[in-house]
Protein backbone atom coordinates (compact mmCIF):
# COMPACT_ATOMS: atom_id res chain seq x y z
CA MET A 1 65.54 36.46 50.20
CA SER A 2 65.28 39.17 52.86
CA LEU A 3 63.32 38.32 56.12
CA PHE A 4 61.35 41.36 55.55
CA GLY A 5 59.86 40.58 52.18
CA LEU A 6 61.51 40.90 48.60
CA ARG A 7 61.83 44.66 47.55
CA GLY A 8 64.84 44.63 45.43
CA VAL A 9 66.45 42.53 42.92
CA VAL A 10 67.89 38.86 42.90
CA ILE A 11 70.94 38.35 40.53
CA ARG A 12 72.10 34.82 39.89
CA VAL A 13 75.58 34.62 38.43
CA LYS A 14 77.16 31.60 36.88
CA LEU A 15 80.92 30.95 38.05
CA ASN A 16 83.72 29.19 36.32
CA LYS A 17 85.15 28.38 39.74
CA SER A 18 83.64 25.92 41.89
CA PHE A 19 83.07 26.60 45.70
CA LYS A 20 82.86 23.47 47.86
CA HIS A 21 81.65 25.20 50.85
CA HIS A 22 78.94 27.99 51.51
CA THR A 23 79.84 31.28 52.20
CA VAL A 24 77.28 34.22 52.84
CA LEU A 25 77.29 37.96 53.12
CA ILE A 26 74.45 39.27 55.23
CA PRO A 27 73.75 42.54 56.62
CA SER A 28 74.98 42.92 60.31
CA PHE A 29 71.68 43.80 61.93
CA LEU A 30 70.55 40.14 60.89
CA THR A 31 73.04 38.86 63.37
CA HIS A 32 72.22 41.15 66.26
CA GLY A 33 69.56 41.60 68.75
CA PHE A 34 66.34 39.90 68.45
CA MET A 35 67.16 38.64 64.85
CA LYS A 36 70.34 36.83 65.91
CA ARG A 37 68.45 33.71 67.29
CA THR A 38 66.19 33.00 64.37
CA PHE A 39 68.88 34.08 62.06
CA HIS A 40 71.62 31.66 63.43
CA GLN A 41 69.19 28.61 63.41
CA LYS A 42 69.20 28.83 59.73
CA PHE A 43 72.89 28.73 59.67
CA VAL A 44 73.82 26.18 62.20
CA ALA A 45 77.02 24.99 60.18
CA HIS A 46 78.07 28.41 59.53
CA GLU A 47 80.67 30.35 61.64
CA GLU A 48 81.01 34.05 61.54
CA ILE A 49 84.24 35.32 59.79
CA GLY A 50 85.79 38.45 60.86
CA LEU A 51 86.61 39.81 57.45
CA GLY A 52 86.81 43.53 56.27
CA TYR A 53 87.20 46.86 57.90
CA GLY A 54 85.42 50.08 59.14
CA ALA A 55 82.11 50.77 57.28
CA PHE A 56 82.37 47.27 55.59
CA ARG A 57 82.21 45.36 58.92
CA LYS A 58 79.60 47.72 60.49
CA LYS A 59 77.36 47.00 57.94
CA TYR A 60 77.93 43.30 56.77
CA THR A 61 78.83 39.94 58.43
CA ILE A 62 80.31 36.98 56.66
CA LEU A 63 79.15 33.52 57.56
CA SER A 64 80.86 30.35 56.06
CA THR A 65 81.14 26.67 56.56
CA ASN A 66 84.85 26.90 55.75
CA PRO A 67 86.99 29.88 56.90
CA VAL A 68 89.80 29.20 54.45
CA GLU A 69 87.28 29.67 51.38
CA ALA A 70 85.88 32.60 52.82
CA HIS A 71 89.21 34.51 53.19
CA TYR A 72 89.92 33.44 49.49
CA ILE A 73 86.47 34.87 48.28
CA TYR A 74 86.39 37.99 50.39
CA ASP A 75 89.78 39.40 49.88
CA PRO A 76 90.39 43.22 50.40
CA ALA A 77 89.68 44.04 46.60
CA VAL A 78 86.28 42.06 46.49
CA ILE A 79 85.32 43.78 49.87
CA GLU A 80 85.88 47.05 48.14
CA ARG A 81 83.99 46.25 44.96
CA ILE A 82 81.03 44.95 47.07
CA LEU A 83 80.89 48.53 48.84
CA ARG A 84 81.20 49.92 45.18
CA LEU A 85 78.36 47.70 44.11
CA GLY A 86 76.02 48.68 46.92
CA GLU A 87 76.53 52.39 45.93
CA ALA A 88 76.21 51.71 42.34
CA LEU A 89 72.98 49.86 42.68
CA GLU A 90 71.85 52.54 45.45
CA ALA A 91 70.80 49.46 47.52
CA ARG A 92 69.94 49.78 51.22
CA TRP A 93 71.82 46.25 51.71
CA LEU A 94 73.26 43.33 49.93
CA GLU A 95 73.05 39.76 50.61
CA ILE A 96 75.42 37.57 48.80
CA SER A 97 75.68 33.86 48.76
CA PHE A 98 78.44 31.77 46.99
CA LYS A 99 78.13 27.95 46.66
CA ASP A 100 78.95 25.26 44.08
CA ARG A 101 79.27 27.39 40.71
CA GLU A 102 77.24 30.47 41.35
CA CYS A 103 77.11 33.48 43.14
CA VAL A 104 73.29 34.77 44.20
CA ILE A 105 73.30 38.57 44.68
CA TYR A 106 70.19 40.13 46.53
CA ALA A 107 69.94 43.98 46.38
CA GLN A 108 67.29 45.41 48.92
CA TYR A 109 65.78 48.75 48.05
CA ALA A 110 63.54 51.36 49.85
CA THR A 111 61.60 51.67 46.48
CA ASN A 112 60.20 49.33 43.89
CA PHE A 113 62.80 48.69 41.31
CA PHE A 114 61.61 49.20 37.53
CA GLU A 115 58.59 50.96 38.69
CA ILE A 116 58.29 53.60 35.75
CA GLY A 117 55.07 54.89 37.22
CA HIS A 118 51.93 54.79 39.12
CA LEU A 119 48.34 54.53 37.69
CA LEU A 120 47.51 57.85 39.45
CA GLN A 121 50.66 59.75 38.10
CA PRO A 122 51.57 60.32 34.59
CA VAL A 123 54.99 58.97 33.24
CA ASN A 124 57.37 61.73 32.48
CA ILE A 125 61.11 61.82 31.48
CA LEU A 126 62.49 61.70 34.99
CA THR A 127 60.57 58.41 35.94
CA VAL A 128 61.68 56.90 32.48
CA GLU A 129 65.57 58.02 33.08
CA ARG A 130 65.07 56.72 36.79
CA SER A 131 64.30 53.18 35.31
CA LEU A 132 66.98 53.38 32.46
CA ALA A 133 69.59 54.40 35.39
CA GLN A 134 68.44 51.17 37.23
CA MET A 135 69.07 48.99 34.43
CA GLN A 136 72.25 50.33 33.79
CA SER A 137 73.20 49.65 37.42
CA LEU A 138 72.32 46.12 37.17
CA GLN A 139 74.72 45.69 33.78
CA SER A 140 77.56 47.17 36.04
CA VAL A 141 77.40 44.35 38.35
CA LEU A 142 79.73 41.92 36.26
CA ASP A 143 81.91 45.08 35.70
CA ILE A 144 82.36 46.18 39.42
CA LEU A 145 82.58 42.69 40.83
CA GLU A 146 84.92 41.75 37.96
CA LEU A 147 83.47 38.63 37.38
CA ASN A 148 85.61 37.86 34.29
CA PRO A 149 85.94 34.18 32.97
CA LEU A 150 89.63 34.62 32.74
CA ALA A 151 90.24 36.54 35.89
CA GLY A 152 89.09 36.96 39.68
CA LEU A 153 86.20 35.23 41.30
CA GLY A 154 84.76 34.15 37.84
CA ALA A 155 87.85 32.33 36.53
CA ARG A 156 88.15 28.99 35.99
CA VAL A 157 91.36 27.50 37.81
CA PRO A 158 93.00 24.48 36.43
CA ASP A 159 92.78 21.48 38.61
CA ARG A 160 96.01 19.79 40.37
CA GLY A 161 96.38 17.23 37.75
CA ARG A 162 96.40 20.08 34.96
CA ARG A 163 98.87 22.04 36.92
CA MET A 164 101.15 18.80 37.06
CA GLY A 165 101.14 18.36 33.45
CA HIS A 166 98.70 15.34 33.53
CA ALA A 167 95.78 14.96 31.50
CA VAL A 168 92.59 14.95 33.54
CA LYS A 169 89.14 14.54 32.34
CA ASP A 170 87.05 17.76 32.67
CA ASN A 171 83.48 16.85 34.15
CA SER A 172 82.23 20.60 33.86
């Protein structure tokens, strides 16, 4: 949730891959100026990871308890997908967290999401079409991030025992 109040959508995605450490992507303005002290107190164990380029680096900061895992998650292809996701959702910014077997995405909007109309204004075709477009943009999250159970961030990676040919009990 944003420090400025919830005006957006929270999407929780279960992953087949488990992450042992916590990695977050936040808007860069939360780590600069007067917000820096407050925000870093919440993420004491996290360190800033310098990933990305140009527009991504100006807009977002990545914090993680493990830099190696952060580099694994945020490879150049994923960074490009995050930028596309922000555009597709027409979000002001995104906040993304990877921990354990889940990814939580928060998309902040300038306007209320799924608000078809107002009591003082009639509902018309344009407002309904806008709401349908918002729903379709949410459906595109899995496609854009490629959270496929067989490939990418969503993939289940066999543990070391299985790769070595040993039978290992799966506790998932």
